[in-house]
Amino acid sequence: GSHTYVQYKLHISSDGSTPPFADIIIPGNPTTFR
């Protein structure tokens, strides 16, 4: 519990027009993965 190396953000549309997805962020890495 002392460190977190990976973060993710959920994207959910309220009207269901787009399927849900998550953006995965690794601090120190400029690339975001989906």
Full PDB file with SEQRES, HELIX, SHEET, SSBOND, CRYST1, ORIGX, SCALE, CONECT and MASTER records, all heavy atoms in Angstrom:
SEQRES   1 A   34  GLY SER HIS THR TYR VAL GLN TYR LYS LEU HIS ILE SER          
SEQRES   2 A   34  SER ASP GLY SER THR PRO PRO PHE ALA ASP ILE ILE ILE          
SEQRES   3 A   34  PRO GLY ASN PRO THR THR PHE ARG                              
SHEET    1 AA1 3 GLN A   7  HIS A  11  0                                        
SHEET    2 AA1 3 PHE A  21  ILE A  25 -1                                        
SHEET    3 AA1 3 THR A  32  PHE A  33 -1                                        
CRYST1    1.000    1.000    1.000  90.00  90.00  90.00 P 1           1          
ORIGX1      1.000000  0.000000  0.000000        0.00000                         
ORIGX2      0.000000  1.000000  0.000000        0.00000                         
ORIGX3      0.000000  0.000000  1.000000        0.00000                         
SCALE1      1.000000  0.000000  0.000000        0.00000                         
SCALE2      0.000000  1.000000  0.000000        0.00000                         
SCALE3      0.000000  0.000000  1.000000        0.00000                         
ATOM      1  N   GLY A   1       0.784  -1.227   0.000  1.00  0.00           N  
ATOM      2  CA  GLY A   1       0.000   0.000   0.000  1.00  0.00           C  
ATOM      3  C   GLY A   1       0.811   1.269   0.000  1.00  0.00           C  
ATOM      4  O   GLY A   1       0.264   2.362   0.158  1.00  0.00           O  
ATOM      5  N   SER A   2       2.118   1.155  -0.182  1.00  0.00           N  
ATOM      6  CA  SER A   2       2.944   2.359  -0.134  1.00  0.00           C  
ATOM      7  C   SER A   2       3.104   3.040  -1.487  1.00  0.00           C  
ATOM      8  O   SER A   2       3.437   4.214  -1.543  1.00  0.00           O  
ATOM      9  CB  SER A   2       4.320   2.023   0.447  1.00  0.00           C  
ATOM     10  OG  SER A   2       4.995   1.096  -0.375  1.00  0.00           O  
ATOM     11  N   HIS A   3       2.881   2.307  -2.590  1.00  0.00           N  
ATOM     12  CA  HIS A   3       3.050   2.877  -3.929  1.00  0.00           C  
ATOM     13  C   HIS A   3       1.952   2.376  -4.863  1.00  0.00           C  
ATOM     14  O   HIS A   3       1.456   1.270  -4.703  1.00  0.00           O  
ATOM     15  CB  HIS A   3       4.397   2.473  -4.534  1.00  0.00           C  
ATOM     16  CG  HIS A   3       5.574   3.085  -3.853  1.00  0.00           C  
ATOM     17  ND1 HIS A   3       6.040   2.647  -2.644  1.00  0.00           N  
ATOM     18  CD2 HIS A   3       6.381   4.100  -4.233  1.00  0.00           C  
ATOM     19  CE1 HIS A   3       7.092   3.365  -2.296  1.00  0.00           C  
ATOM     20  NE2 HIS A   3       7.322   4.265  -3.248  1.00  0.00           N  
ATOM     21  N   THR A   4       1.621   3.198  -5.854  1.00  0.00           N  
ATOM     22  CA  THR A   4       0.736   2.802  -6.944  1.00  0.00           C  
ATOM     23  C   THR A   4       1.447   3.159  -8.238  1.00  0.00           C  
ATOM     24  O   THR A   4       1.793   4.317  -8.457  1.00  0.00           O  
ATOM     25  CB  THR A   4      -0.619   3.533  -6.869  1.00  0.00           C  
ATOM     26  OG1 THR A   4      -1.227   3.213  -5.618  1.00  0.00           O  
ATOM     27  CG2 THR A   4      -1.534   3.119  -7.985  1.00  0.00           C  
ATOM     28  N   TYR A   5       1.662   2.168  -9.085  1.00  0.00           N  
ATOM     29  CA  TYR A   5       2.436   2.375 -10.302  1.00  0.00           C  
ATOM     30  C   TYR A   5       1.589   2.434 -11.565  1.00  0.00           C  
ATOM     31  O   TYR A   5       2.073   2.842 -12.600  1.00  0.00           O  
ATOM     32  CB  TYR A   5       3.472   1.253 -10.454  1.00  0.00           C  
ATOM     33  CG  TYR A   5       4.496   1.251  -9.346  1.00  0.00           C  
ATOM     34  CD1 TYR A   5       4.341   0.428  -8.240  1.00  0.00           C  
ATOM     35  CD2 TYR A   5       5.602   2.083  -9.395  1.00  0.00           C  
ATOM     36  CE1 TYR A   5       5.279   0.433  -7.217  1.00  0.00           C  
ATOM     37  CE2 TYR A   5       6.532   2.093  -8.386  1.00  0.00           C  
ATOM     38  CZ  TYR A   5       6.364   1.267  -7.297  1.00  0.00           C  
ATOM     39  OH  TYR A   5       7.285   1.277  -6.276  1.00  0.00           O  
ATOM     40  N   VAL A   6       0.350   2.002 -11.489  1.00  0.00           N  
ATOM     41  CA  VAL A   6      -0.525   1.975 -12.656  1.00  0.00           C  
ATOM     42  C   VAL A   6      -1.867   2.568 -12.259  1.00  0.00           C  
ATOM     43  O   VAL A   6      -2.386   2.272 -11.186  1.00  0.00           O  
ATOM     44  CB  VAL A   6      -0.741   0.523 -13.166  1.00  0.00           C  
ATOM     45  CG1 VAL A   6      -1.582   0.520 -14.418  1.00  0.00           C  
ATOM     46  CG2 VAL A   6       0.578  -0.162 -13.409  1.00  0.00           C  
ATOM     47  N   GLN A   7      -2.411   3.411 -13.125  1.00  0.00           N  
ATOM     48  CA  GLN A   7      -3.720   4.011 -12.885  1.00  0.00           C  
ATOM     49  C   GLN A   7      -4.600   3.740 -14.085  1.00  0.00           C  
ATOM     50  O   GLN A   7      -4.103   3.574 -15.204  1.00  0.00           O  
ATOM     51  CB  GLN A   7      -3.583   5.514 -12.680  1.00  0.00           C  
ATOM     52  CG  GLN A   7      -2.681   5.881 -11.534  1.00  0.00           C  
ATOM     53  CD  GLN A   7      -2.304   7.359 -11.566  1.00  0.00           C  
ATOM     54  OE1 GLN A   7      -2.555   8.054 -12.526  1.00  0.00           O  
ATOM     55  NE2 GLN A   7      -1.682   7.815 -10.496  1.00  0.00           N  
ATOM     56  N   TYR A   8      -5.897   3.683 -13.860  1.00  0.00           N  
ATOM     57  CA  TYR A   8      -6.819   3.547 -14.980  1.00  0.00           C  
ATOM     58  C   TYR A   8      -8.030   4.427 -14.758  1.00  0.00           C  
ATOM     59  O   TYR A   8      -8.381   4.741 -13.627  1.00  0.00           O  
ATOM     60  CB  TYR A   8      -7.218   2.081 -15.210  1.00  0.00           C  
ATOM     61  CG  TYR A   8      -8.060   1.460 -14.125  1.00  0.00           C  
ATOM     62  CD1 TYR A   8      -9.443   1.437 -14.223  1.00  0.00           C  
ATOM     63  CD2 TYR A   8      -7.478   0.874 -13.012  1.00  0.00           C  
ATOM     64  CE1 TYR A   8     -10.222   0.853 -13.243  1.00  0.00           C  
ATOM     65  CE2 TYR A   8      -8.246   0.281 -12.039  1.00  0.00           C  
ATOM     66  CZ  TYR A   8      -9.618   0.275 -12.156  1.00  0.00           C  
ATOM     67  OH  TYR A   8     -10.387  -0.305 -11.179  1.00  0.00           O  
ATOM     68  N   LYS A   9      -8.619   4.837 -15.858  1.00  0.00           N  
ATOM     69  CA  LYS A   9      -9.793   5.709 -15.824  1.00  0.00           C  
ATOM     70  C   LYS A   9     -10.875   5.067 -16.684  1.00  0.00           C  
ATOM     71  O   LYS A   9     -10.658   4.796 -17.864  1.00  0.00           O  
ATOM     72  CB  LYS A   9      -9.442   7.095 -16.348  1.00  0.00           C  
ATOM     73  CG  LYS A   9     -10.576   8.070 -16.255  1.00  0.00           C  
ATOM     74  CD  LYS A   9     -10.157   9.459 -16.679  1.00  0.00           C  
ATOM     75  CE  LYS A   9     -11.325  10.408 -16.558  1.00  0.00           C  
ATOM     76  NZ  LYS A   9     -10.964  11.740 -17.002  1.00  0.00           N  
ATOM     77  N   LEU A  10     -12.020   4.819 -16.081  1.00  0.00           N  
ATOM     78  CA  LEU A  10     -13.144   4.225 -16.804  1.00  0.00           C  
ATOM     79  C   LEU A  10     -13.899   5.293 -17.577  1.00  0.00           C  
ATOM     80  O   LEU A  10     -14.096   6.403 -17.072  1.00  0.00           O  
ATOM     81  CB  LEU A  10     -14.105   3.548 -15.828  1.00  0.00           C  
ATOM     82  CG  LEU A  10     -13.563   2.371 -15.039  1.00  0.00           C  
ATOM     83  CD1 LEU A  10     -14.599   1.903 -14.030  1.00  0.00           C  
ATOM     84  CD2 LEU A  10     -13.186   1.243 -15.960  1.00  0.00           C  
ATOM     85  N   HIS A  11     -14.322   4.960 -18.775  1.00  0.00           N  
ATOM     86  CA  HIS A  11     -15.137   5.844 -19.604  1.00  0.00           C  
ATOM     87  C   HIS A  11     -16.426   5.099 -19.935  1.00  0.00           C  
ATOM     88  O   HIS A  11     -16.402   4.113 -20.670  1.00  0.00           O  
ATOM     89  CB  HIS A  11     -14.400   6.219 -20.892  1.00  0.00           C  
ATOM     90  CG  HIS A  11     -13.151   7.002 -20.648  1.00  0.00           C  
ATOM     91  ND1 HIS A  11     -13.137   8.365 -20.496  1.00  0.00           N  
ATOM     92  CD2 HIS A  11     -11.861   6.599 -20.498  1.00  0.00           C  
ATOM     93  CE1 HIS A  11     -11.910   8.771 -20.285  1.00  0.00           C  
ATOM     94  NE2 HIS A  11     -11.109   7.718 -20.279  1.00  0.00           N  
ATOM     95  N   ILE A  12     -17.526   5.584 -19.369  1.00  0.00           N  
ATOM     96  CA  ILE A  12     -18.814   4.938 -19.562  1.00  0.00           C  
ATOM     97  C   ILE A  12     -19.788   6.003 -20.045  1.00  0.00           C  
ATOM     98  O   ILE A  12     -19.972   7.027 -19.388  1.00  0.00           O  
ATOM     99  CB  ILE A  12     -19.325   4.337 -18.246  1.00  0.00           C  
ATOM    100  CG1 ILE A  12     -18.264   3.388 -17.669  1.00  0.00           C  
ATOM    101  CG2 ILE A  12     -20.642   3.615 -18.446  1.00  0.00           C  
ATOM    102  CD1 ILE A  12     -18.470   3.055 -16.227  1.00  0.00           C  
ATOM    103  N   SER A  13     -20.412   5.762 -21.200  1.00  0.00           N  
ATOM    104  CA  SER A  13     -21.363   6.744 -21.716  1.00  0.00           C  
ATOM    105  C   SER A  13     -22.700   6.559 -21.005  1.00  0.00           C  
ATOM    106  O   SER A  13     -23.134   5.441 -20.743  1.00  0.00           O  
ATOM    107  CB  SER A  13     -21.537   6.603 -23.229  1.00  0.00           C  
ATOM    108  OG  SER A  13     -22.119   5.368 -23.534  1.00  0.00           O  
ATOM    109  N   SER A  14     -23.335   7.660 -20.688  1.00  0.00           N  
ATOM    110  CA  SER A  14     -24.600   7.603 -19.958  1.00  0.00           C  
ATOM    111  C   SER A  14     -25.749   7.109 -20.834  1.00  0.00           C  
ATOM    112  O   SER A  14     -26.698   6.508 -20.341  1.00  0.00           O  
ATOM    113  CB  SER A  14     -24.945   8.976 -19.385  1.00  0.00           C  
ATOM    114  OG  SER A  14     -25.020   9.917 -20.431  1.00  0.00           O  
ATOM    115  N   ASP A  15     -25.645   7.341 -22.137  1.00  0.00           N  
ATOM    116  CA  ASP A  15     -26.736   6.923 -23.026  1.00  0.00           C  
ATOM    117  C   ASP A  15     -26.465   5.589 -23.713  1.00  0.00           C  
ATOM    118  O   ASP A  15     -27.300   5.076 -24.443  1.00  0.00           O  
ATOM    119  CB  ASP A  15     -27.005   7.993 -24.082  1.00  0.00           C  
ATOM    120  CG  ASP A  15     -25.781   8.297 -24.935  1.00  0.00           C  
ATOM    121  OD1 ASP A  15     -24.729   7.681 -24.701  1.00  0.00           O  
ATOM    122  OD2 ASP A  15     -25.895   9.145 -25.826  1.00  0.00           O  
ATOM    123  N   GLY A  16     -25.306   5.003 -23.478  1.00  0.00           N  
ATOM    124  CA  GLY A  16     -24.974   3.696 -24.043  1.00  0.00           C  
ATOM    125  C   GLY A  16     -24.606   3.723 -25.515  1.00  0.00           C  
ATOM    126  O   GLY A  16     -24.592   2.695 -26.169  1.00  0.00           O  
ATOM    127  N   SER A  17     -24.308   4.901 -26.049  1.00  0.00           N  
ATOM    128  CA  SER A  17     -23.984   5.012 -27.471  1.00  0.00           C  
ATOM    129  C   SER A  17     -22.608   4.433 -27.808  1.00  0.00           C  
ATOM    130  O   SER A  17     -22.383   3.963 -28.912  1.00  0.00           O  
ATOM    131  CB  SER A  17     -24.061   6.467 -27.926  1.00  0.00           C  
ATOM    132  OG  SER A  17     -23.127   7.239 -27.207  1.00  0.00           O  
ATOM    133  N   THR A  18     -21.694   4.482 -26.863  1.00  0.00           N  
ATOM    134  CA  THR A  18     -20.368   3.901 -27.087  1.00  0.00           C  
ATOM    135  C   THR A  18     -20.116   2.847 -26.018  1.00  0.00           C  
ATOM    136  O   THR A  18     -20.520   3.012 -24.867  1.00  0.00           O  
ATOM    137  CB  THR A  18     -19.257   4.968 -27.017  1.00  0.00           C  
ATOM    138  OG1 THR A  18     -19.293   5.583 -25.724  1.00  0.00           O  
ATOM    139  CG2 THR A  18     -19.420   6.018 -28.079  1.00  0.00           C  
ATOM    140  N   PRO A  19     -19.447   1.773 -26.373  1.00  0.00           N  
ATOM    141  CA  PRO A  19     -19.153   0.743 -25.371  1.00  0.00           C  
ATOM    142  C   PRO A  19     -18.158   1.272 -24.336  1.00  0.00           C  
ATOM    143  O   PRO A  19     -17.328   2.128 -24.642  1.00  0.00           O  
ATOM    144  CB  PRO A  19     -18.555  -0.397 -26.190  1.00  0.00           C  
ATOM    145  CG  PRO A  19     -18.127   0.210 -27.474  1.00  0.00           C  
ATOM    146  CD  PRO A  19     -18.972   1.415 -27.701  1.00  0.00           C  
ATOM    147  N   PRO A  20     -18.225   0.768 -23.112  1.00  0.00           N  
ATOM    148  CA  PRO A  20     -17.292   1.243 -22.082  1.00  0.00           C  
ATOM    149  C   PRO A  20     -15.860   0.832 -22.393  1.00  0.00           C  
ATOM    150  O   PRO A  20     -15.609  -0.213 -23.003  1.00  0.00           O  
ATOM    151  CB  PRO A  20     -17.798   0.567 -20.807  1.00  0.00           C  
ATOM    152  CG  PRO A  20     -18.631  -0.572 -21.248  1.00  0.00           C  
ATOM    153  CD  PRO A  20     -19.156  -0.232 -22.604  1.00  0.00           C  
ATOM    154  N   PHE A  21     -14.923   1.671 -21.969  1.00  0.00           N  
ATOM    155  CA  PHE A  21     -13.507   1.382 -22.136  1.00  0.00           C  
ATOM    156  C   PHE A  21     -12.740   2.017 -20.994  1.00  0.00           C  
ATOM    157  O   PHE A  21     -13.284   2.820 -20.227  1.00  0.00           O  
ATOM    158  CB  PHE A  21     -12.988   1.869 -23.491  1.00  0.00           C  
ATOM    159  CG  PHE A  21     -13.069   3.355 -23.699  1.00  0.00           C  
ATOM    160  CD1 PHE A  21     -12.016   4.172 -23.337  1.00  0.00           C  
ATOM    161  CD2 PHE A  21     -14.198   3.933 -24.254  1.00  0.00           C  
ATOM    162  CE1 PHE A  21     -12.079   5.545 -23.527  1.00  0.00           C  
ATOM    163  CE2 PHE A  21     -14.274   5.307 -24.446  1.00  0.00           C  
ATOM    164  CZ  PHE A  21     -13.210   6.111 -24.079  1.00  0.00           C  
ATOM    165  N   ALA A  22     -11.481   1.626 -20.869  1.00  0.00           N  
ATOM    166  CA  ALA A  22     -10.618   2.168 -19.823  1.00  0.00           C  
ATOM    167  C   ALA A  22      -9.315   2.629 -20.439  1.00  0.00           C  
ATOM    168  O   ALA A  22      -8.759   1.964 -21.313  1.00  0.00           O  
ATOM    169  CB  ALA A  22     -10.345   1.126 -18.759  1.00  0.00           C  
ATOM    170  N   ASP A  23      -8.853   3.790 -19.991  1.00  0.00           N  
ATOM    171  CA  ASP A  23      -7.526   4.271 -20.350  1.00  0.00           C  
ATOM    172  C   ASP A  23      -6.579   3.901 -19.218  1.00  0.00           C  
ATOM    173  O   ASP A  23      -6.856   4.184 -18.050  1.00  0.00           O  
ATOM    174  CB  ASP A  23      -7.531   5.789 -20.546  1.00  0.00           C  
ATOM    175  CG  ASP A  23      -8.173   6.202 -21.845  1.00  0.00           C  
ATOM    176  OD1 ASP A  23      -8.196   5.397 -22.786  1.00  0.00           O  
ATOM    177  OD2 ASP A  23      -8.671   7.340 -21.921  1.00  0.00           O  
ATOM    178  N   ILE A  24      -5.485   3.251 -19.554  1.00  0.00           N  
ATOM    179  CA  ILE A  24      -4.512   2.792 -18.565  1.00  0.00           C  
ATOM    180  C   ILE A  24      -3.270   3.666 -18.669  1.00  0.00           C  
ATOM    181  O   ILE A  24      -2.692   3.817 -19.742  1.00  0.00           O  
ATOM    182  CB  ILE A  24      -4.169   1.306 -18.794  1.00  0.00           C  
ATOM    183  CG1 ILE A  24      -5.445   0.482 -18.644  1.00  0.00           C  
ATOM    184  CG2 ILE A  24      -3.082   0.847 -17.833  1.00  0.00           C  
ATOM    185  CD1 ILE A  24      -5.310  -0.945 -19.074  1.00  0.00           C  
ATOM    186  N   ILE A  25      -2.879   4.243 -17.542  1.00  0.00           N  
ATOM    187  CA  ILE A  25      -1.771   5.190 -17.497  1.00  0.00           C  
ATOM    188  C   ILE A  25      -0.689   4.631 -16.585  1.00  0.00           C  
ATOM    189  O   ILE A  25      -0.966   4.234 -15.455  1.00  0.00           O  
ATOM    190  CB  ILE A  25      -2.247   6.555 -16.971  1.00  0.00           C  
ATOM    191  CG1 ILE A  25      -3.371   7.079 -17.869  1.00  0.00           C  
ATOM    192  CG2 ILE A  25      -1.107   7.545 -16.882  1.00  0.00           C  
ATOM    193  CD1 ILE A  25      -4.459   7.764 -17.122  1.00  0.00           C  
ATOM    194  N   ILE A  26       0.530   4.611 -17.092  1.00  0.00           N  
ATOM    195  CA  ILE A  26       1.681   4.203 -16.300  1.00  0.00           C  
ATOM    196  C   ILE A  26       2.522   5.459 -16.107  1.00  0.00           C  
ATOM    197  O   ILE A  26       3.092   5.966 -17.077  1.00  0.00           O  
ATOM    198  CB  ILE A  26       2.485   3.103 -17.010  1.00  0.00           C  
ATOM    199  CG1 ILE A  26       1.587   1.913 -17.321  1.00  0.00           C  
ATOM    200  CG2 ILE A  26       3.680   2.686 -16.159  1.00  0.00           C  
ATOM    201  CD1 ILE A  26       2.213   0.892 -18.232  1.00  0.00           C  
ATOM    202  N   PRO A  27       2.580   6.007 -14.892  1.00  0.00           N  
ATOM    203  CA  PRO A  27       3.372   7.220 -14.677  1.00  0.00           C  
ATOM    204  C   PRO A  27       4.819   7.018 -15.127  1.00  0.00           C  
ATOM    205  O   PRO A  27       5.417   5.977 -14.900  1.00  0.00           O  
ATOM    206  CB  PRO A  27       3.290   7.433 -13.169  1.00  0.00           C  
ATOM    207  CG  PRO A  27       2.011   6.765 -12.780  1.00  0.00           C  
ATOM    208  CD  PRO A  27       1.903   5.568 -13.686  1.00  0.00           C  
ATOM    209  N   GLY A  28       5.346   8.015 -15.821  1.00  0.00           N  
ATOM    210  CA  GLY A  28       6.694   7.924 -16.362  1.00  0.00           C  
ATOM    211  C   GLY A  28       6.712   7.413 -17.791  1.00  0.00           C  
ATOM    212  O   GLY A  28       7.724   7.492 -18.462  1.00  0.00           O  
ATOM    213  N   ASN A  29       5.591   6.881 -18.250  1.00  0.00           N  
ATOM    214  CA  ASN A  29       5.478   6.396 -19.625  1.00  0.00           C  
ATOM    215  C   ASN A  29       4.516   7.334 -20.349  1.00  0.00           C  
ATOM    216  O   ASN A  29       3.368   7.475 -19.933  1.00  0.00           O  
ATOM    217  CB  ASN A  29       4.941   4.958 -19.625  1.00  0.00           C  
ATOM    218  CG  ASN A  29       4.963   4.325 -20.990  1.00  0.00           C  
ATOM    219  OD1 ASN A  29       4.951   5.001 -22.005  1.00  0.00           O  
ATOM    220  ND2 ASN A  29       4.974   3.012 -21.009  1.00  0.00           N  
ATOM    221  N   PRO A  30       4.950   7.988 -21.416  1.00  0.00           N  
ATOM    222  CA  PRO A  30       4.085   8.962 -22.085  1.00  0.00           C  
ATOM    223  C   PRO A  30       2.913   8.335 -22.839  1.00  0.00           C  
ATOM    224  O   PRO A  30       2.001   9.038 -23.253  1.00  0.00           O  
ATOM    225  CB  PRO A  30       5.035   9.663 -23.062  1.00  0.00           C  
ATOM    226  CG  PRO A  30       6.090   8.663 -23.324  1.00  0.00           C  
ATOM    227  CD  PRO A  30       6.257   7.881 -22.053  1.00  0.00           C  
ATOM    228  N   THR A  31       2.907   7.033 -22.992  1.00  0.00           N  
ATOM    229  CA  THR A  31       1.876   6.358 -23.759  1.00  0.00           C  
ATOM    230  C   THR A  31       0.707   5.966 -22.869  1.00  0.00           C  
ATOM    231  O   THR A  31       0.895   5.471 -21.762  1.00  0.00           O  
ATOM    232  CB  THR A  31       2.461   5.092 -24.414  1.00  0.00           C  
ATOM    233  OG1 THR A  31       3.635   5.455 -25.128  1.00  0.00           O  
ATOM    234  CG2 THR A  31       1.476   4.465 -25.371  1.00  0.00           C  
ATOM    235  N   THR A  32      -0.511   6.193 -23.364  1.00  0.00           N  
ATOM    236  CA  THR A  32      -1.724   5.742 -22.695  1.00  0.00           C  
ATOM    237  C   THR A  32      -2.257   4.550 -23.468  1.00  0.00           C  
ATOM    238  O   THR A  32      -2.283   4.559 -24.691  1.00  0.00           O  
ATOM    239  CB  THR A  32      -2.779   6.868 -22.671  1.00  0.00           C  
ATOM    240  OG1 THR A  32      -2.230   7.996 -22.019  1.00  0.00           O  
ATOM    241  CG2 THR A  32      -4.023   6.428 -21.936  1.00  0.00           C  
ATOM    242  N   PHE A  33      -2.689   3.531 -22.739  1.00  0.00           N  
ATOM    243  CA  PHE A  33      -3.202   2.319 -23.363  1.00  0.00           C  
ATOM    244  C   PHE A  33      -4.702   2.235 -23.123  1.00  0.00           C  
ATOM    245  O   PHE A  33      -5.202   2.709 -22.105  1.00  0.00           O  
ATOM    246  CB  PHE A  33      -2.502   1.084 -22.786  1.00  0.00           C  
ATOM    247  CG  PHE A  33      -1.014   1.125 -22.974  1.00  0.00           C  
ATOM    248  CD1 PHE A  33      -0.189   1.687 -22.024  1.00  0.00           C  
ATOM    249  CD2 PHE A  33      -0.442   0.631 -24.132  1.00  0.00           C  
ATOM    250  CE1 PHE A  33       1.181   1.744 -22.196  1.00  0.00           C  
ATOM    251  CE2 PHE A  33       0.932   0.679 -24.325  1.00  0.00           C  
ATOM    252  CZ  PHE A  33       1.737   1.243 -23.358  1.00  0.00           C  
ATOM    253  N   ARG A  34      -5.429   1.634 -24.065  1.00  0.00           N  
ATOM    254  CA  ARG A  34      -6.884   1.565 -23.981  1.00  0.00           C  
ATOM    255  C   ARG A  34      -7.345   0.127 -24.160  1.00  0.00           C  
ATOM    256  O   ARG A  34      -6.860  -0.589 -25.037  1.00  0.00           O  
ATOM    257  CB  ARG A  34      -7.512   2.447 -25.052  1.00  0.00           C  
ATOM    258  CG  ARG A  34      -9.034   2.472 -25.003  1.00  0.00           C  
ATOM    259  CD  ARG A  34      -9.588   3.503 -25.939  1.00  0.00           C  
ATOM    260  NE  ARG A  34      -9.396   4.808 -25.320  1.00  0.00           N  
ATOM    261  CZ  ARG A  34      -9.813   5.945 -25.844  1.00  0.00           C  
ATOM    262  NH1 ARG A  34     -10.410   5.964 -27.013  1.00  0.00           N  
ATOM    263  NH2 ARG A  34      -9.606   7.084 -25.218  1.00  0.00           N  
TER     264      ARG A  34                                                      
MASTER        0    0    0    0    3    0    0    6  263    1    0    3          
END                                                                             
